[in-house]
Protein backbone atom coordinates (compact mmCIF):
# COMPACT_ATOMS: atom_id res chain seq x y z
CA UNK A 1 30.77 -5.52 7.69
CA UNK A 2 32.23 -4.02 4.00
CA UNK A 3 29.11 -3.62 1.63
CA UNK A 4 30.78 -4.90 -1.32
CA UNK A 5 29.14 -6.72 -4.00
CA UNK A 6 28.54 -10.03 -3.24
CA UNK A 7 26.78 -8.68 -0.27
CA UNK A 8 24.85 -6.53 -1.88
CA UNK A 9 24.12 -9.58 -4.18
CA UNK A 10 22.80 -11.48 -1.29
CA UNK A 11 20.33 -9.36 0.19
CA UNK A 12 18.78 -8.70 -3.76
CA UNK A 13 18.55 -12.16 -4.26
CA UNK A 14 16.56 -12.30 -0.12
CA UNK A 15 14.28 -9.19 -1.62
CA UNK A 16 13.39 -11.48 -4.75
CA UNK A 17 13.21 -14.55 -2.71
CA UNK A 18 10.61 -12.92 -0.72
CA UNK A 19 8.40 -12.27 -3.52
CA UNK A 20 8.43 -15.80 -5.02
CA UNK A 21 9.42 -18.58 -2.78
CA UNK A 22 9.66 -19.27 0.70
CA UNK A 23 11.01 -17.13 3.51
CA UNK A 24 13.75 -19.59 4.60
CA UNK A 25 15.27 -19.73 1.03
CA UNK A 26 15.29 -16.06 1.54
CA UNK A 27 16.95 -16.39 5.59
CA UNK A 28 19.50 -18.55 3.76
CA UNK A 29 20.12 -15.65 1.22
CA UNK A 30 20.77 -13.10 3.98
CA UNK A 31 23.03 -15.51 6.35
CA UNK A 32 25.16 -16.37 3.08
CA UNK A 33 25.47 -12.34 3.28
CA UNK A 34 26.46 -12.45 6.91
CA UNK A 35 28.74 -15.10 6.04
CA UNK A 36 30.36 -13.11 3.12
CA UNK A 37 29.80 -16.16 0.67
CA UNK A 38 30.02 -15.65 -2.83
CA UNK A 39 27.05 -15.38 -4.88
CA UNK A 40 27.50 -15.41 -9.30
CA UNK A 41 25.76 -12.41 -10.09
CA UNK A 42 25.02 -13.96 -13.62
CA UNK A 43 22.24 -16.01 -11.52
CA UNK A 44 20.64 -13.14 -9.72
CA UNK A 45 18.58 -12.24 -12.06
CA UNK A 46 15.18 -11.44 -11.27
CA UNK A 47 12.55 -14.46 -10.38
CA UNK A 48 9.58 -12.54 -11.96
CA UNK A 49 9.29 -10.35 -14.98
CA UNK A 50 8.68 -7.16 -14.22
CA UNK A 51 5.25 -5.63 -14.77
CA UNK A 52 4.74 -3.82 -18.48
CA UNK A 53 4.49 -0.36 -18.02
CA UNK A 54 0.72 0.56 -19.23
CA UNK A 55 -0.52 4.35 -20.43
CA UNK A 56 -3.81 3.75 -21.10
CA UNK A 57 -5.73 6.68 -19.17
CA UNK A 58 -8.19 4.21 -17.72
CA UNK A 59 -7.45 1.53 -15.76
CA UNK A 60 -10.45 -0.65 -17.37
CA UNK A 61 -9.03 -0.56 -20.75
CA UNK A 62 -10.85 -3.76 -21.84
CA UNK A 63 -14.61 -2.70 -21.64
CA UNK A 64 -16.74 -3.57 -24.31
CA UNK A 65 -15.84 -1.48 -27.35
CA UNK A 66 -19.47 -0.35 -27.75
CA UNK A 67 -18.93 1.64 -23.64
CA UNK A 68 -15.65 2.75 -24.38
CA UNK A 69 -16.65 4.32 -27.80
CA UNK A 70 -19.48 5.81 -25.34
CA UNK A 71 -17.12 7.37 -23.21
CA UNK A 72 -14.32 9.03 -25.47
CA UNK A 73 -15.28 12.08 -24.19
CA UNK A 74 -14.69 11.14 -20.72
CA UNK A 75 -11.49 9.98 -22.02
CA UNK A 76 -10.43 13.06 -23.80
CA UNK A 77 -11.18 14.91 -20.39
CA UNK A 78 -9.33 12.82 -17.64
CA UNK A 79 -6.03 12.93 -17.07
CA UNK A 80 -3.20 9.91 -16.27
CA UNK A 81 -0.11 11.96 -15.96
CA UNK A 82 3.51 12.19 -14.08
CA UNK A 83 5.46 14.15 -12.12
CA UNK A 84 7.93 14.32 -10.26
CA UNK A 85 8.42 15.95 -6.30
CA UNK A 86 11.69 16.86 -5.02
CA UNK A 87 12.98 17.62 -1.47
CA UNK A 88 15.98 17.60 0.80
CA UNK A 89 15.36 13.44 1.00
CA UNK A 90 15.38 12.84 -2.47
CA UNK A 91 13.11 12.86 -5.62
CA UNK A 92 10.15 10.21 -6.81
CA UNK A 93 7.84 10.55 -9.88
CA UNK A 94 4.61 9.97 -9.25
CA UNK A 95 1.20 9.53 -11.44
CA UNK A 96 -2.09 11.32 -10.86
CA UNK A 97 -5.45 10.58 -12.20
CA UNK A 98 -7.46 13.15 -12.16
CA UNK A 99 -10.86 11.80 -13.78
CA UNK A 100 -13.61 14.12 -15.91
CA UNK A 101 -15.84 13.20 -12.74
CA UNK A 102 -14.21 15.59 -11.00
CA UNK A 103 -16.36 18.08 -9.28
CA UNK A 104 -16.02 21.91 -9.23
CA UNK A 105 -16.18 21.31 -5.16
CA UNK A 106 -13.10 20.29 -3.72
CA UNK A 107 -12.52 16.29 -4.24
CA UNK A 108 -11.20 13.61 -1.79
CA UNK A 109 -7.39 12.53 -2.78
CA UNK A 110 -6.44 8.43 -2.22
CA UNK A 111 -2.63 8.40 -2.53
CA UNK A 112 -1.71 4.03 -3.48
CA UNK A 113 1.71 2.85 -2.57
CA UNK A 114 2.35 0.01 -4.77
CA UNK A 115 3.99 -3.39 -3.90
CA UNK A 116 7.21 -4.52 -4.18
CA UNK A 117 8.11 -5.12 -8.07
CA UNK A 118 5.12 -3.47 -8.97
CA UNK A 119 5.34 0.28 -10.63
CA UNK A 120 2.24 2.90 -11.04
CA UNK A 121 0.21 1.62 -13.87
CA UNK A 122 0.42 -2.06 -12.78
CA UNK A 123 -0.97 -0.74 -9.51
CA UNK A 124 -3.49 1.10 -10.98
CA UNK A 125 -4.48 -1.43 -13.67
CA UNK A 126 -5.03 -4.26 -11.17
CA UNK A 127 -7.01 -2.31 -8.25
CA UNK A 128 -9.34 -0.67 -10.66
CA UNK A 129 -8.88 2.60 -8.44
CA UNK A 130 -8.81 4.98 -11.65
CA UNK A 131 -12.38 3.51 -12.63
CA UNK A 132 -14.11 4.05 -8.91
CA UNK A 133 -12.08 7.54 -9.23
CA UNK A 134 -14.45 8.25 -12.45
CA UNK A 135 -17.30 7.06 -11.02
CA UNK A 136 -17.38 9.05 -8.11
CA UNK A 137 -15.16 12.12 -8.22
CA UNK A 138 -12.03 11.72 -6.49
CA UNK A 139 -7.96 12.00 -7.61
CA UNK A 140 -6.12 8.78 -7.43
CA UNK A 141 -2.20 8.98 -6.61
CA UNK A 142 0.21 6.52 -7.01
CA UNK A 143 3.84 7.58 -5.73
CA UNK A 144 6.74 5.30 -7.31
CA UNK A 145 9.83 3.41 -6.23
CA UNK A 146 12.61 3.40 -7.89
CA UNK A 147 14.39 0.44 -8.20
CA UNK A 148 17.85 2.65 -7.63
CA UNK A 149 16.26 3.02 -3.79
CA UNK A 150 15.09 -0.61 -3.72
CA UNK A 151 16.17 -3.47 -5.80
CA UNK A 152 12.79 -5.00 -5.87
CA UNK A 153 11.13 -1.85 -5.94
CA UNK A 154 9.64 -2.48 -2.49
CA UNK A 155 8.87 0.73 0.16
CA UNK A 156 11.92 0.79 2.93
CA UNK A 157 9.44 0.31 5.19
CA UNK A 158 12.09 -1.57 7.58
CA UNK A 159 14.39 0.94 7.73
CA UNK A 160 14.30 3.39 10.60
CA UNK A 161 15.75 5.79 8.37
CA UNK A 162 12.11 5.29 6.47
CA UNK A 163 10.07 5.10 9.19
CA UNK A 164 10.24 8.62 10.98
CA UNK A 165 8.28 11.79 10.28
CA UNK A 166 9.84 14.11 7.92
CA UNK A 167 12.81 11.88 6.80
CA UNK A 168 13.36 9.19 4.28
CA UNK A 169 10.55 7.64 2.10
CA UNK A 170 7.57 9.08 4.28
CA UNK A 171 9.14 12.62 3.65
CA UNK A 172 8.83 11.94 0.27
CA UNK A 173 5.61 10.54 0.64
CA UNK A 174 3.89 13.16 2.76
CA UNK A 175 5.45 15.84 0.00
CA UNK A 176 3.80 14.36 -2.94
CA UNK A 177 0.52 14.53 -1.15
CA UNK A 178 1.13 18.03 -0.37
CA UNK A 179 1.93 18.86 -3.72
CA UNK A 180 -1.02 17.68 -5.05
CA UNK A 181 -3.29 19.56 -2.26
CA UNK A 182 -1.88 22.79 -3.25
CA UNK A 183 -1.68 22.48 -6.83
CA UNK A 184 -5.14 20.63 -7.49
CA UNK A 185 -8.67 21.24 -5.96
CA UNK A 186 -8.35 19.21 -2.93
CA UNK A 187 -10.75 18.42 0.34
CA UNK A 188 -7.93 18.34 2.79
CA UNK A 189 -10.57 16.90 5.16
CA UNK A 190 -10.73 13.70 2.57
CA UNK A 191 -7.04 12.75 2.19
CA UNK A 192 -6.64 9.07 2.33
CA UNK A 193 -3.54 6.67 1.78
CA UNK A 194 -3.66 3.27 1.35
CA UNK A 195 -0.95 0.78 -0.07
CA UNK A 196 -0.43 -3.59 -0.90
CA UNK A 197 2.61 -5.41 0.83
CA UNK A 198 5.65 -3.55 1.09
CA UNK A 199 2.94 -0.32 0.07
CA UNK A 200 0.47 -1.05 3.07
CA UNK A 201 3.19 -1.41 5.88
CA UNK A 202 4.46 2.42 4.74
CA UNK A 203 0.43 3.20 4.85
CA UNK A 204 0.72 2.16 7.86
CA UNK A 205 3.41 4.27 9.19
CA UNK A 206 2.36 7.32 7.19
CA UNK A 207 -0.67 7.21 8.68
CA UNK A 208 0.74 6.98 12.28
CA UNK A 209 3.42 10.23 11.24
CA UNK A 210 1.01 11.71 9.68
CA UNK A 211 -2.35 11.94 10.99
CA UNK A 212 -3.10 15.38 10.39
CA UNK A 213 -2.66 14.99 6.54
CA UNK A 214 -4.28 11.26 5.95
CA UNK A 215 -7.74 10.96 7.34
CA UNK A 216 -7.57 7.22 7.26
CA UNK A 217 -5.49 4.49 5.99
CA UNK A 218 -5.96 1.10 4.14
CA UNK A 219 -3.41 -1.97 4.55
CA UNK A 220 -3.94 -5.17 2.05
CA UNK A 221 -1.72 -7.88 3.12
CA UNK A 222 0.79 -5.24 5.14
CA UNK A 223 2.46 -5.19 8.52
CA UNK A 224 2.25 -2.35 11.21
CA UNK A 225 4.13 0.06 11.57
CA UNK A 226 7.84 0.06 13.05
CA UNK A 227 7.58 -3.44 13.54
CA UNK A 228 11.38 -3.74 12.25
CA UNK A 229 14.21 -2.46 12.04
CA UNK A 230 16.40 -4.71 8.94
CA UNK A 231 16.25 -7.05 6.53
CA UNK A 232 16.58 -10.15 9.56
CA UNK A 233 13.88 -8.27 11.40
CA UNK A 234 11.61 -7.69 8.24
CA UNK A 235 12.03 -11.52 7.77
CA UNK A 236 10.95 -12.42 11.17
CA UNK A 237 8.03 -10.14 11.14
CA UNK A 238 6.60 -11.43 7.59
CA UNK A 239 6.26 -14.70 8.93
CA UNK A 240 4.60 -13.65 11.91
CA UNK A 241 7.29 -13.94 14.76
CA UNK A 242 8.72 -12.42 17.04
CA UNK A 243 9.45 -8.54 16.50
CA UNK A 244 10.03 -5.64 18.41
CA UNK A 245 8.47 -1.91 17.93
CA UNK A 246 10.62 0.77 17.74
CA UNK A 247 7.92 3.52 18.80
CA UNK A 248 9.72 7.45 18.12
CA UNK A 249 9.02 9.84 21.36
CA UNK A 250 6.08 10.91 21.74
CA UNK A 251 4.07 8.14 19.69
CA UNK A 252 1.96 5.54 22.04
CA UNK A 253 1.96 2.19 20.00
CA UNK A 254 -1.08 1.28 21.39
CA UNK A 255 -3.14 3.95 20.61
CA UNK A 256 -5.21 4.40 17.76
CA UNK A 257 -4.26 7.52 15.56
CA UNK A 258 -6.93 7.31 12.67
CA UNK A 259 -9.22 5.02 11.22
CA UNK A 260 -7.90 1.86 9.20
CA UNK A 261 -9.07 -0.61 7.24
CA UNK A 262 -7.30 -3.76 6.96
CA UNK A 263 -7.71 -6.29 4.38
CA UNK A 264 -5.88 -9.96 4.62
CA UNK A 265 -5.58 -13.50 3.10
CA UNK A 266 -5.61 -16.64 5.85
CA UNK A 267 -3.63 -18.19 3.00
CA UNK A 268 -1.04 -15.89 2.49
CA UNK A 269 2.53 -17.32 1.99
CA UNK A 270 4.40 -13.93 2.04
CA UNK A 271 3.37 -12.23 4.63
CA UNK A 272 1.72 -13.91 7.95
CA UNK A 273 -2.12 -13.49 8.56
CA UNK A 274 -1.06 -12.87 12.06
CA UNK A 275 0.09 -9.29 11.38
CA UNK A 276 -3.09 -8.24 10.54
CA UNK A 277 -4.29 -7.92 13.77
CA UNK A 278 -0.84 -6.50 14.96
CA UNK A 279 -1.73 -3.04 12.95
CA UNK A 280 -5.27 -3.32 14.95
CA UNK A 281 -4.01 -3.22 18.39
CA UNK A 282 -5.07 0.09 19.26
CA UNK A 283 -8.74 -0.99 18.44
CA UNK A 284 -8.46 -3.98 20.33
CA UNK A 285 -11.21 -2.33 22.97
CA UNK A 286 -14.64 -3.58 21.43
CA UNK A 287 -15.69 -5.47 18.47
CA UNK A 288 -18.82 -4.28 17.11
CA UNK A 289 -19.70 -6.45 14.39
CA UNK A 290 -18.29 -9.80 12.99
CA UNK A 291 -19.74 -12.16 10.81
CA UNK A 292 -18.58 -14.27 7.48
CA UNK A 293 -19.69 -12.45 4.45
CA UNK A 294 -19.85 -14.13 0.88
CA UNK A 295 -18.38 -11.48 -1.61
CA UNK A 296 -20.51 -9.37 -4.54
CA UNK A 297 -19.89 -11.89 -7.27
CA UNK A 298 -20.21 -15.09 -7.54
CA UNK A 299 -17.42 -17.39 -6.78
CA UNK A 300 -16.19 -14.48 -4.54
CA UNK A 301 -14.15 -16.24 -1.44
CA UNK A 302 -15.67 -16.18 2.28
CA UNK A 303 -14.12 -13.38 4.46
CA UNK A 304 -14.69 -12.57 8.06
CA UNK A 305 -15.54 -8.69 8.64
CA UNK A 306 -14.68 -7.29 12.23
CA UNK A 307 -15.92 -3.69 12.81
CA UNK A 308 -14.03 -2.44 16.23
CA UNK A 309 -13.41 0.48 17.95
CA UNK A 310 -10.61 2.81 20.15
CA UNK A 311 -11.25 3.85 23.33
CA UNK A 312 -11.52 7.30 21.85
CA UNK A 313 -13.70 6.09 19.36
CA UNK A 314 -11.58 5.76 16.79
CA UNK A 315 -12.97 2.69 13.94
CA UNK A 316 -11.33 0.02 11.97
CA UNK A 317 -12.41 -3.05 9.76
CA UNK A 318 -10.49 -6.13 9.70
CA UNK A 319 -11.16 -8.13 6.50
CA UNK A 320 -10.28 -11.53 6.82
CA UNK A 321 -10.26 -13.29 3.49
CA UNK A 322 -10.32 -16.93 3.85
CA UNK A 323 -8.00 -19.18 1.42
CA UNK A 324 -7.11 -15.59 -0.56
CA UNK A 325 -2.96 -15.44 -1.17
CA UNK A 326 -0.83 -12.40 -1.03
CA UNK A 327 -2.60 -10.51 -3.40
CA UNK A 328 -5.14 -7.43 -3.82
CA UNK A 329 -8.61 -8.71 -3.31
CA UNK A 330 -10.89 -8.32 -6.35
CA UNK A 331 -8.18 -7.01 -8.46
CA UNK A 332 -8.02 -7.21 -12.25
CA UNK A 333 -5.52 -10.17 -13.37
CA UNK A 334 -4.19 -7.64 -15.95
CA UNK A 335 -2.41 -6.47 -12.85
CA UNK A 336 0.24 -8.31 -10.80
CA UNK A 337 -0.62 -9.61 -6.82
CA UNK A 338 -4.47 -9.59 -7.82
CA UNK A 339 -6.90 -12.51 -6.40
CA UNK A 340 -10.35 -11.00 -8.65
CA UNK A 341 -12.06 -14.52 -6.07
CA UNK A 342 -11.84 -11.85 -3.79
CA UNK A 343 -14.08 -9.33 -2.24
CA UNK A 344 -13.43 -5.46 -3.92
CA UNK A 345 -11.15 -4.15 -1.60
CA UNK A 346 -10.81 -1.44 -3.39
CA UNK A 347 -14.54 -0.33 -3.08
CA UNK A 348 -14.52 -1.44 0.23
CA UNK A 349 -11.51 0.56 0.95
CA UNK A 350 -13.39 3.84 -0.92
CA UNK A 351 -16.68 3.33 1.11
CA UNK A 352 -14.97 3.11 4.79
CA UNK A 353 -13.00 6.41 3.28
CA UNK A 354 -15.67 8.36 2.00
CA UNK A 355 -17.44 7.62 5.78
CA UNK A 356 -14.23 8.83 7.98
CA UNK A 357 -13.05 12.30 7.00
CA UNK A 358 -10.66 13.69 8.99
CA UNK A 359 -12.19 15.94 12.16
CA UNK A 360 -10.14 18.33 12.11
CA UNK A 361 -11.16 19.57 8.57
CA UNK A 362 -8.23 21.72 6.86
CA UNK A 363 -5.91 21.67 9.39
CA UNK A 364 -2.34 20.36 8.54
CA UNK A 365 1.01 20.93 9.98
CA UNK A 366 4.39 21.14 8.24
């Protein structure tokens, strides 16, 4: 099929529908594209406003004025800078938060992958991860997916060319991570990756393809690695239906390679909650603990927490948040796709990450 303007417009329409309407509507858009039906480009505007870029140094910019005045010195010594990484696979910008509290000794690094329609500043604000970084002394990197790479700024987790080690987007994200390790005082045994939705799906790919680089991963409202090979199969996986995993040679689809913590709302209308269990298929050997747990704030949602281990002793956690939508649990409403009523996913991810440094220490592989 010739990729004419109508076809591309229909694909753009489908991606927008995934974020705002029932997936059935997105499927119809794909079917229109495959039939060659034309799409009026004038009505193909985004269904959701692009998040406004925030340039504040801290994600907690709404703090009381007295507290902020007391933190002036800290703010001056913190850095939230923009950089660009380039390689044969392309180039990507990223934002890097270096807190004033960073220690003289090597510090942890968390790489955060935003979801569709989001950007680095929006994701930093919504997750409050920079505030945690200031409190606990770690670096946070936010790779940025540009609109040129995906009309909705989604990471292309469903494309085979962006699912493999040292190819496409995985090579760019890994390259950003290695660049930060080389240029900052980072502890290579405490490098982690996390993401939301499309970013969560890409985080699952990254920890599977680069187990020597990332000690653990956090997947929020995402999907398992390589569960799709094109947009129609991505829609099927997102709806919780049948999907076929394409596993690269040498990788066991059932093997747990690194610790993973997974969060998913059971009222998620964008990515079906069944995907949470699919991410953890390699950890189904033993359930260590499961219980209903209420979040730390009044009015928080109930959630079920399961702690699992694999045959090789790799640990995982599954947080099923009851009644929660497609949103970052415990997030700040000034960021998009956040659910302030949920448990604090950022704090729980940080706790899980710091409990799981890489057993290989500083070993890395090019």
